[in-house]
Amino acid sequence: MKFEYAPQDRVNRYEAEVARILEALGYDAAECAVSDESLLTDFADAGDVFPEAELQRLSLELGIAVTNDSFIADVAESLHAKLAKG
């Protein structure tokens, strides 16, 4: 059986933004394994979904809309674009 790691190109490109997202979720980025295929819900308690109130808090804290279906790489890219605009 061959084991392949999921791609990490985008999460590596937006490393600072990924760290900010993980911190907003209550995690230390240095202790997390994140790939381009990681969803926000991968970091919810017991693989559950986030309640609407938590999604609203995250959206406000990050300044962009997030959902339970959001890929961390997509959120990081959107956050990067938002910060680049100022």
PDB file of N, CA and C in Angstrom:
ATOM      1  N   MET A   1       0.836  -1.166   0.000  1.00  0.00           N
ATOM      2  CA  MET A   1       0.000   0.000   0.000  1.00  0.00           C
ATOM      3  C   MET A   1       0.891   1.241   0.000  1.00  0.00           C
ATOM      4  N   LYS A   2       0.587   2.154  -0.892  1.00  0.00           N
ATOM      5  CA  LYS A   2       1.369   3.386  -1.004  1.00  0.00           C
ATOM      6  C   LYS A   2       0.660   4.512  -0.252  1.00  0.00           C
ATOM      7  N   PHE A   3       1.409   5.256   0.526  1.00  0.00           N
ATOM      8  CA  PHE A   3       0.875   6.373   1.299  1.00  0.00           C
ATOM      9  C   PHE A   3       1.340   7.669   0.656  1.00  0.00           C
ATOM     10  N   GLU A   4       0.405   8.565   0.402  1.00  0.00           N
ATOM     11  CA  GLU A   4       0.751   9.868  -0.171  1.00  0.00           C
ATOM     12  C   GLU A   4       0.223  10.976   0.726  1.00  0.00           C
ATOM     13  N   TYR A   5       1.050  11.977   0.952  1.00  0.00           N
ATOM     14  CA  TYR A   5       0.616  13.145   1.693  1.00  0.00           C
ATOM     15  C   TYR A   5      -0.254  14.018   0.806  1.00  0.00           C
ATOM     16  N   ALA A   6      -1.244  14.656   1.391  1.00  0.00           N
ATOM     17  CA  ALA A   6      -2.066  15.602   0.648  1.00  0.00           C
ATOM     18  C   ALA A   6      -1.206  16.811   0.294  1.00  0.00           C
ATOM     19  N   PRO A   7      -1.515  17.485  -0.806  1.00  0.00           N
ATOM     20  CA  PRO A   7      -0.728  18.657  -1.196  1.00  0.00           C
ATOM     21  C   PRO A   7      -0.756  19.749  -0.127  1.00  0.00           C
ATOM     22  N   GLN A   8       0.346  20.473  -0.051  1.00  0.00           N
ATOM     23  CA  GLN A   8       0.456  21.567   0.922  1.00  0.00           C
ATOM     24  C   GLN A   8       0.936  22.862   0.270  1.00  0.00           C
ATOM     25  N   ASP A   9       0.854  22.950  -1.054  1.00  0.00           N
ATOM     26  CA  ASP A   9       1.359  24.129  -1.748  1.00  0.00           C
ATOM     27  C   ASP A   9       0.700  25.421  -1.272  1.00  0.00           C
ATOM     28  N   ARG A  10      -0.611  25.413  -1.208  1.00  0.00           N
ATOM     29  CA  ARG A  10      -1.328  26.641  -0.841  1.00  0.00           C
ATOM     30  C   ARG A  10      -1.168  26.984   0.640  1.00  0.00           C
ATOM     31  N   VAL A  11      -1.236  25.995   1.515  1.00  0.00           N
ATOM     32  CA  VAL A  11      -1.075  26.314   2.941  1.00  0.00           C
ATOM     33  C   VAL A  11       0.349  26.779   3.232  1.00  0.00           C
ATOM     34  N   ASN A  12       1.314  26.292   2.473  1.00  0.00           N
ATOM     35  CA  ASN A  12       2.688  26.786   2.633  1.00  0.00           C
ATOM     36  C   ASN A  12       2.809  28.218   2.110  1.00  0.00           C
ATOM     37  N   ARG A  13       2.144  28.518   0.993  1.00  0.00           N
ATOM     38  CA  ARG A  13       2.198  29.863   0.401  1.00  0.00           C
ATOM     39  C   ARG A  13       1.587  30.893   1.356  1.00  0.00           C
ATOM     40  N   TYR A  14       0.526  30.498   2.064  1.00  0.00           N
ATOM     41  CA  TYR A  14      -0.180  31.417   2.971  1.00  0.00           C
ATOM     42  C   TYR A  14       0.025  31.004   4.424  1.00  0.00           C
ATOM     43  N   GLU A  15       1.246  30.665   4.747  1.00  0.00           N
ATOM     44  CA  GLU A  15       1.582  30.140   6.081  1.00  0.00           C
ATOM     45  C   GLU A  15       1.163  31.076   7.209  1.00  0.00           C
ATOM     46  N   ALA A  16       1.411  32.372   7.062  1.00  0.00           N
ATOM     47  CA  ALA A  16       1.056  33.333   8.117  1.00  0.00           C
ATOM     48  C   ALA A  16      -0.455  33.395   8.310  1.00  0.00           C
ATOM     49  N   GLU A  17      -1.197  33.364   7.211  1.00  0.00           N
ATOM     50  CA  GLU A  17      -2.649  33.408   7.293  1.00  0.00           C
ATOM     51  C   GLU A  17      -3.203  32.117   7.900  1.00  0.00           C
ATOM     52  N   VAL A  18      -2.621  30.980   7.547  1.00  0.00           N
ATOM     53  CA  VAL A  18      -3.038  29.701   8.137  1.00  0.00           C
ATOM     54  C   VAL A  18      -2.803  29.743   9.647  1.00  0.00           C
ATOM     55  N   ALA A  19      -1.672  30.276  10.068  1.00  0.00           N
ATOM     56  CA  ALA A  19      -1.382  30.389  11.506  1.00  0.00           C
ATOM     57  C   ALA A  19      -2.424  31.265  12.193  1.00  0.00           C
ATOM     58  N   ARG A  20      -2.808  32.345  11.557  1.00  0.00           N
ATOM     59  CA  ARG A  20      -3.820  33.237  12.136  1.00  0.00           C
ATOM     60  C   ARG A  20      -5.172  32.515  12.269  1.00  0.00           C
ATOM     61  N   ILE A  21      -5.537  31.757  11.254  1.00  0.00           N
ATOM     62  CA  ILE A  21      -6.794  30.999  11.290  1.00  0.00           C
ATOM     63  C   ILE A  21      -6.759  29.974  12.426  1.00  0.00           C
ATOM     64  N   LEU A  22      -5.671  29.230  12.523  1.00  0.00           N
ATOM     65  CA  LEU A  22      -5.552  28.219  13.572  1.00  0.00           C
ATOM     66  C   LEU A  22      -5.576  28.850  14.956  1.00  0.00           C
ATOM     67  N   GLU A  23      -4.926  29.999  15.102  1.00  0.00           N
ATOM     68  CA  GLU A  23      -4.956  30.699  16.393  1.00  0.00           C
ATOM     69  C   GLU A  23      -6.380  31.127  16.733  1.00  0.00           C
ATOM     70  N   ALA A  24      -7.135  31.592  15.728  1.00  0.00           N
ATOM     71  CA  ALA A  24      -8.530  31.973  15.954  1.00  0.00           C
ATOM     72  C   ALA A  24      -9.366  30.764  16.382  1.00  0.00           C
ATOM     73  N   LEU A  25      -8.941  29.576  15.967  1.00  0.00           N
ATOM     74  CA  LEU A  25      -9.623  28.333  16.352  1.00  0.00           C
ATOM     75  C   LEU A  25      -9.116  27.789  17.683  1.00  0.00           C
ATOM     76  N   GLY A  26      -8.087  28.422  18.246  1.00  0.00           N
ATOM     77  CA  GLY A  26      -7.551  27.995  19.537  1.00  0.00           C
ATOM     78  C   GLY A  26      -6.407  27.011  19.463  1.00  0.00           C
ATOM     79  N   TYR A  27      -5.745  26.939  18.305  1.00  0.00           N
ATOM     80  CA  TYR A  27      -4.632  26.010  18.112  1.00  0.00           C
ATOM     81  C   TYR A  27      -3.328  26.748  17.864  1.00  0.00           C
ATOM     82  N   ASP A  28      -2.226  26.089  18.211  1.00  0.00           N
ATOM     83  CA  ASP A  28      -0.888  26.567  17.884  1.00  0.00           C
ATOM     84  C   ASP A  28      -0.511  25.952  16.540  1.00  0.00           C
ATOM     85  N   ALA A  29      -0.284  26.786  15.535  1.00  0.00           N
ATOM     86  CA  ALA A  29      -0.005  26.303  14.181  1.00  0.00           C
ATOM     87  C   ALA A  29       1.187  25.350  14.133  1.00  0.00           C
ATOM     88  N   ALA A  30       2.157  25.564  15.006  1.00  0.00           N
ATOM     89  CA  ALA A  30       3.349  24.711  15.015  1.00  0.00           C
ATOM     90  C   ALA A  30       3.023  23.275  15.419  1.00  0.00           C
ATOM     91  N   GLU A  31       1.885  23.076  16.046  1.00  0.00           N
ATOM     92  CA  GLU A  31       1.501  21.753  16.512  1.00  0.00           C
ATOM     93  C   GLU A  31       0.433  21.090  15.634  1.00  0.00           C
ATOM     94  N   CYS A  32       0.099  21.725  14.509  1.00  0.00           N
ATOM     95  CA  CYS A  32      -0.984  21.223  13.658  1.00  0.00           C
ATOM     96  C   CYS A  32      -0.466  20.757  12.304  1.00  0.00           C
ATOM     97  N   ALA A  33      -1.092  19.727  11.795  1.00  0.00           N
ATOM     98  CA  ALA A  33      -0.823  19.263  10.434  1.00  0.00           C
ATOM     99  C   ALA A  33      -1.979  19.739   9.558  1.00  0.00           C
ATOM    100  N   VAL A  34      -1.662  20.595   8.594  1.00  0.00           N
ATOM    101  CA  VAL A  34      -2.678  21.178   7.723  1.00  0.00           C
ATOM    102  C   VAL A  34      -2.257  20.951   6.279  1.00  0.00           C
ATOM    103  N   SER A  35      -3.206  20.546   5.449  1.00  0.00           N
ATOM    104  CA  SER A  35      -2.934  20.385   4.021  1.00  0.00           C
ATOM    105  C   SER A  35      -3.896  21.274   3.240  1.00  0.00           C
ATOM    106  N   ASP A  36      -3.716  21.303   1.937  1.00  0.00           N
ATOM    107  CA  ASP A  36      -4.619  22.067   1.080  1.00  0.00           C
ATOM    108  C   ASP A  36      -6.034  21.505   1.117  1.00  0.00           C
ATOM    109  N   GLU A  37      -6.195  20.288   1.614  1.00  0.00           N
ATOM    110  CA  GLU A  37      -7.496  19.635   1.681  1.00  0.00           C
ATOM    111  C   GLU A  37      -8.136  19.704   3.071  1.00  0.00           C
ATOM    112  N   SER A  38      -7.488  20.394   4.016  1.00  0.00           N
ATOM    113  CA  SER A  38      -8.027  20.510   5.375  1.00  0.00           C
ATOM    114  C   SER A  38      -9.216  21.465   5.401  1.00  0.00           C
ATOM    115  N   LEU A  39     -10.260  21.028   6.071  1.00  0.00           N
ATOM    116  CA  LEU A  39     -11.449  21.851   6.280  1.00  0.00           C
ATOM    117  C   LEU A  39     -11.412  22.482   7.667  1.00  0.00           C
ATOM    118  N   LEU A  40     -12.140  23.578   7.845  1.00  0.00           N
ATOM    119  CA  LEU A  40     -12.260  24.152   9.181  1.00  0.00           C
ATOM    120  C   LEU A  40     -12.775  23.111  10.161  1.00  0.00           C
ATOM    121  N   THR A  41     -13.730  22.298   9.718  1.00  0.00           N
ATOM    122  CA  THR A  41     -14.333  21.310  10.624  1.00  0.00           C
ATOM    123  C   THR A  41     -13.355  20.228  11.068  1.00  0.00           C
ATOM    124  N   ASP A  42     -12.219  20.116  10.392  1.00  0.00           N
ATOM    125  CA  ASP A  42     -11.192  19.179  10.859  1.00  0.00           C
ATOM    126  C   ASP A  42     -10.663  19.599  12.226  1.00  0.00           C
ATOM    127  N   PHE A  43     -10.912  20.846  12.600  1.00  0.00           N
ATOM    128  CA  PHE A  43     -10.416  21.375  13.869  1.00  0.00           C
ATOM    129  C   PHE A  43     -11.552  21.664  14.851  1.00  0.00           C
ATOM    130  N   ALA A  44     -12.736  21.184  14.529  1.00  0.00           N
ATOM    131  CA  ALA A  44     -13.866  21.270  15.461  1.00  0.00           C
ATOM    132  C   ALA A  44     -13.753  20.106  16.451  1.00  0.00           C
ATOM    133  N   ASP A  45     -14.377  20.234  17.588  1.00  0.00           N
ATOM    134  CA  ASP A  45     -14.336  19.184  18.594  1.00  0.00           C
ATOM    135  C   ASP A  45     -14.829  17.862  18.027  1.00  0.00           C
ATOM    136  N   ALA A  46     -14.026  16.841  18.163  1.00  0.00           N
ATOM    137  CA  ALA A  46     -14.358  15.469  17.764  1.00  0.00           C
ATOM    138  C   ALA A  46     -14.817  15.386  16.308  1.00  0.00           C
ATOM    139  N   GLY A  47     -14.259  16.236  15.449  1.00  0.00           N
ATOM    140  CA  GLY A  47     -14.602  16.190  14.033  1.00  0.00           C
ATOM    141  C   GLY A  47     -16.020  16.637  13.738  1.00  0.00           C
ATOM    142  N   ASP A  48     -16.630  17.300  14.688  1.00  0.00           N
ATOM    143  CA  ASP A  48     -17.998  17.787  14.554  1.00  0.00           C
ATOM    144  C   ASP A  48     -18.015  19.046  13.695  1.00  0.00           C
ATOM    145  N   VAL A  49     -19.138  19.698  13.613  1.00  0.00           N
ATOM    146  CA  VAL A  49     -19.234  20.978  12.913  1.00  0.00           C
ATOM    147  C   VAL A  49     -19.250  22.100  13.937  1.00  0.00           C
ATOM    148  N   PHE A  50     -18.934  23.312  13.480  1.00  0.00           N
ATOM    149  CA  PHE A  50     -18.987  24.470  14.361  1.00  0.00           C
ATOM    150  C   PHE A  50     -20.420  24.991  14.430  1.00  0.00           C
ATOM    151  N   PRO A  51     -20.882  25.380  15.618  1.00  0.00           N
ATOM    152  CA  PRO A  51     -22.202  26.001  15.707  1.00  0.00           C
ATOM    153  C   PRO A  51     -22.179  27.363  14.991  1.00  0.00           C
ATOM    154  N   GLU A  52     -23.338  27.823  14.592  1.00  0.00           N
ATOM    155  CA  GLU A  52     -23.447  29.085  13.850  1.00  0.00           C
ATOM    156  C   GLU A  52     -22.791  30.247  14.595  1.00  0.00           C
ATOM    157  N   ALA A  53     -22.940  30.298  15.898  1.00  0.00           N
ATOM    158  CA  ALA A  53     -22.350  31.391  16.688  1.00  0.00           C
ATOM    159  C   ALA A  53     -20.825  31.390  16.572  1.00  0.00           C
ATOM    160  N   GLU A  54     -20.216  30.212  16.544  1.00  0.00           N
ATOM    161  CA  GLU A  54     -18.757  30.113  16.406  1.00  0.00           C
ATOM    162  C   GLU A  54     -18.322  30.531  15.006  1.00  0.00           C
ATOM    163  N   LEU A  55     -19.083  30.161  13.992  1.00  0.00           N
ATOM    164  CA  LEU A  55     -18.764  30.584  12.624  1.00  0.00           C
ATOM    165  C   LEU A  55     -18.853  32.101  12.497  1.00  0.00           C
ATOM    166  N   GLN A  56     -19.846  32.697  13.140  1.00  0.00           N
ATOM    167  CA  GLN A  56     -19.973  34.163  13.126  1.00  0.00           C
ATOM    168  C   GLN A  56     -18.796  34.814  13.833  1.00  0.00           C
ATOM    169  N   ARG A  57     -18.376  34.239  14.966  1.00  0.00           N
ATOM    170  CA  ARG A  57     -17.223  34.780  15.704  1.00  0.00           C
ATOM    171  C   ARG A  57     -15.969  34.716  14.846  1.00  0.00           C
ATOM    172  N   LEU A  58     -15.750  33.568  14.205  1.00  0.00           N
ATOM    173  CA  LEU A  58     -14.580  33.415  13.342  1.00  0.00           C
ATOM    174  C   LEU A  58     -14.626  34.388  12.169  1.00  0.00           C
ATOM    175  N   SER A  59     -15.798  34.528  11.553  1.00  0.00           N
ATOM    176  CA  SER A  59     -15.950  35.451  10.434  1.00  0.00           C
ATOM    177  C   SER A  59     -15.634  36.875  10.855  1.00  0.00           C
ATOM    178  N   LEU A  60     -16.111  37.275  12.014  1.00  0.00           N
ATOM    179  CA  LEU A  60     -15.826  38.624  12.514  1.00  0.00           C
ATOM    180  C   LEU A  60     -14.345  38.798  12.833  1.00  0.00           C
ATOM    181  N   GLU A  61     -13.772  37.815  13.496  1.00  0.00           N
ATOM    182  CA  GLU A  61     -12.358  37.911  13.880  1.00  0.00           C
ATOM    183  C   GLU A  61     -11.438  37.945  12.657  1.00  0.00           C
ATOM    184  N   LEU A  62     -11.756  37.146  11.647  1.00  0.00           N
ATOM    185  CA  LEU A  62     -10.915  37.082  10.455  1.00  0.00           C
ATOM    186  C   LEU A  62     -11.272  38.146   9.422  1.00  0.00           C
ATOM    187  N   GLY A  63     -12.490  38.665   9.510  1.00  0.00           N
ATOM    188  CA  GLY A  63     -12.924  39.685   8.564  1.00  0.00           C
ATOM    189  C   GLY A  63     -13.378  39.136   7.228  1.00  0.00           C
ATOM    190  N   ILE A  64     -13.620  37.837   7.170  1.00  0.00           N
ATOM    191  CA  ILE A  64     -14.148  37.195   5.956  1.00  0.00           C
ATOM    192  C   ILE A  64     -15.133  36.111   6.379  1.00  0.00           C
ATOM    193  N   ALA A  65     -16.090  35.831   5.512  1.00  0.00           N
ATOM    194  CA  ALA A  65     -17.103  34.821   5.825  1.00  0.00           C
ATOM    195  C   ALA A  65     -16.517  33.416   5.750  1.00  0.00           C
ATOM    196  N   VAL A  66     -16.846  32.606   6.739  1.00  0.00           N
ATOM    197  CA  VAL A  66     -16.431  31.199   6.749  1.00  0.00           C
ATOM    198  C   VAL A  66     -17.652  30.331   7.017  1.00  0.00           C
ATOM    199  N   THR A  67     -17.578  29.092   6.541  1.00  0.00           N
ATOM    200  CA  THR A  67     -18.639  28.112   6.778  1.00  0.00           C
ATOM    201  C   THR A  67     -17.995  26.806   7.228  1.00  0.00           C
ATOM    202  N   ASN A  68     -18.814  25.864   7.612  1.00  0.00           N
ATOM    203  CA  ASN A  68     -18.287  24.552   7.988  1.00  0.00           C
ATOM    204  C   ASN A  68     -17.661  23.835   6.804  1.00  0.00           C
ATOM    205  N   ASP A  69     -18.010  24.233   5.590  1.00  0.00           N
ATOM    206  CA  ASP A  69     -17.459  23.613   4.384  1.00  0.00           C
ATOM    207  C   ASP A  69     -16.211  24.317   3.864  1.00  0.00           C
ATOM    208  N   SER A  70     -15.740  25.336   4.579  1.00  0.00           N
ATOM    209  CA  SER A  70     -14.585  26.111   4.116  1.00  0.00           C
ATOM    210  C   SER A  70     -13.288  25.315   4.234  1.00  0.00           C
ATOM    211  N   PHE A  71     -12.527  25.312   3.149  1.00  0.00           N
ATOM    212  CA  PHE A  71     -11.174  24.771   3.194  1.00  0.00           C
ATOM    213  C   PHE A  71     -10.261  25.824   3.808  1.00  0.00           C
ATOM    214  N   ILE A  72      -9.354  25.408   4.689  1.00  0.00           N
ATOM    215  CA  ILE A  72      -8.452  26.351   5.334  1.00  0.00           C
ATOM    216  C   ILE A  72      -7.614  27.089   4.294  1.00  0.00           C
ATOM    217  N   ALA A  73      -7.185  26.406   3.240  1.00  0.00           N
ATOM    218  CA  ALA A  73      -6.394  27.059   2.195  1.00  0.00           C
ATOM    219  C   ALA A  73      -7.189  28.162   1.502  1.00  0.00           C
ATOM    220  N   ASP A  74      -8.488  27.937   1.265  1.00  0.00           N
ATOM    221  CA  ASP A  74      -9.332  28.967   0.648  1.00  0.00           C
ATOM    222  C   ASP A  74      -9.490  30.168   1.569  1.00  0.00           C
ATOM    223  N   VAL A  75      -9.718  29.912   2.847  1.00  0.00           N
ATOM    224  CA  VAL A  75      -9.857  30.985   3.822  1.00  0.00           C
ATOM    225  C   VAL A  75      -8.553  31.775   3.905  1.00  0.00           C
ATOM    226  N   ALA A  76      -7.432  31.073   3.927  1.00  0.00           N
ATOM    227  CA  ALA A  76      -6.126  31.731   4.006  1.00  0.00           C
ATOM    228  C   ALA A  76      -5.884  32.612   2.778  1.00  0.00           C
ATOM    229  N   GLU A  77      -6.225  32.108   1.603  1.00  0.00           N
ATOM    230  CA  GLU A  77      -6.044  32.884   0.380  1.00  0.00           C
ATOM    231  C   GLU A  77      -6.928  34.134   0.391  1.00  0.00           C
ATOM    232  N   SER A  78      -8.173  33.999   0.826  1.00  0.00           N
ATOM    233  CA  SER A  78      -9.079  35.148   0.927  1.00  0.00           C
ATOM    234  C   SER A  78      -8.580  36.152   1.954  1.00  0.00           C
ATOM    235  N   LEU A  79      -8.086  35.648   3.065  1.00  0.00           N
ATOM    236  CA  LEU A  79      -7.541  36.519   4.106  1.00  0.00           C
ATOM    237  C   LEU A  79      -6.328  37.269   3.585  1.00  0.00           C
ATOM    238  N   HIS A  80      -5.461  36.579   2.863  1.00  0.00           N
ATOM    239  CA  HIS A  80      -4.283  37.219   2.271  1.00  0.00           C
ATOM    240  C   HIS A  80      -4.699  38.342   1.312  1.00  0.00           C
ATOM    241  N   ALA A  81      -5.674  38.073   0.453  1.00  0.00           N
ATOM    242  CA  ALA A  81      -6.150  39.075  -0.500  1.00  0.00           C
ATOM    243  C   ALA A  81      -6.748  40.273   0.217  1.00  0.00           C
ATOM    244  N   LYS A  82      -7.508  40.018   1.283  1.00  0.00           N
ATOM    245  CA  LYS A  82      -8.119  41.101   2.050  1.00  0.00           C
ATOM    246  C   LYS A  82      -7.048  41.959   2.704  1.00  0.00           C
ATOM    247  N   LEU A  83      -6.050  41.334   3.289  1.00  0.00           N
ATOM    248  CA  LEU A  83      -4.973  42.076   3.953  1.00  0.00           C
ATOM    249  C   LEU A  83      -4.130  42.847   2.953  1.00  0.00           C
ATOM    250  N   ALA A  84      -3.957  42.303   1.749  1.00  0.00           N
ATOM    251  CA  ALA A  84      -3.163  42.966   0.717  1.00  0.00           C
ATOM    252  C   ALA A  84      -3.849  44.255   0.231  1.00  0.00           C
ATOM    253  N   LYS A  85      -5.178  44.242   0.258  1.00  0.00           N
ATOM    254  CA  LYS A  85      -5.934  45.437  -0.170  1.00  0.00           C
ATOM    255  C   LYS A  85      -5.874  46.535   0.882  1.00  0.00           C
ATOM    256  N   GLY A  86      -5.649  46.126   2.126  1.00  0.00           N
ATOM    257  CA  GLY A  86      -5.539  47.094   3.210  1.00  0.00           C
ATOM    258  C   GLY A  86      -6.797  47.396   3.805  1.00  0.00           C
TER     259      GLY A  86
END
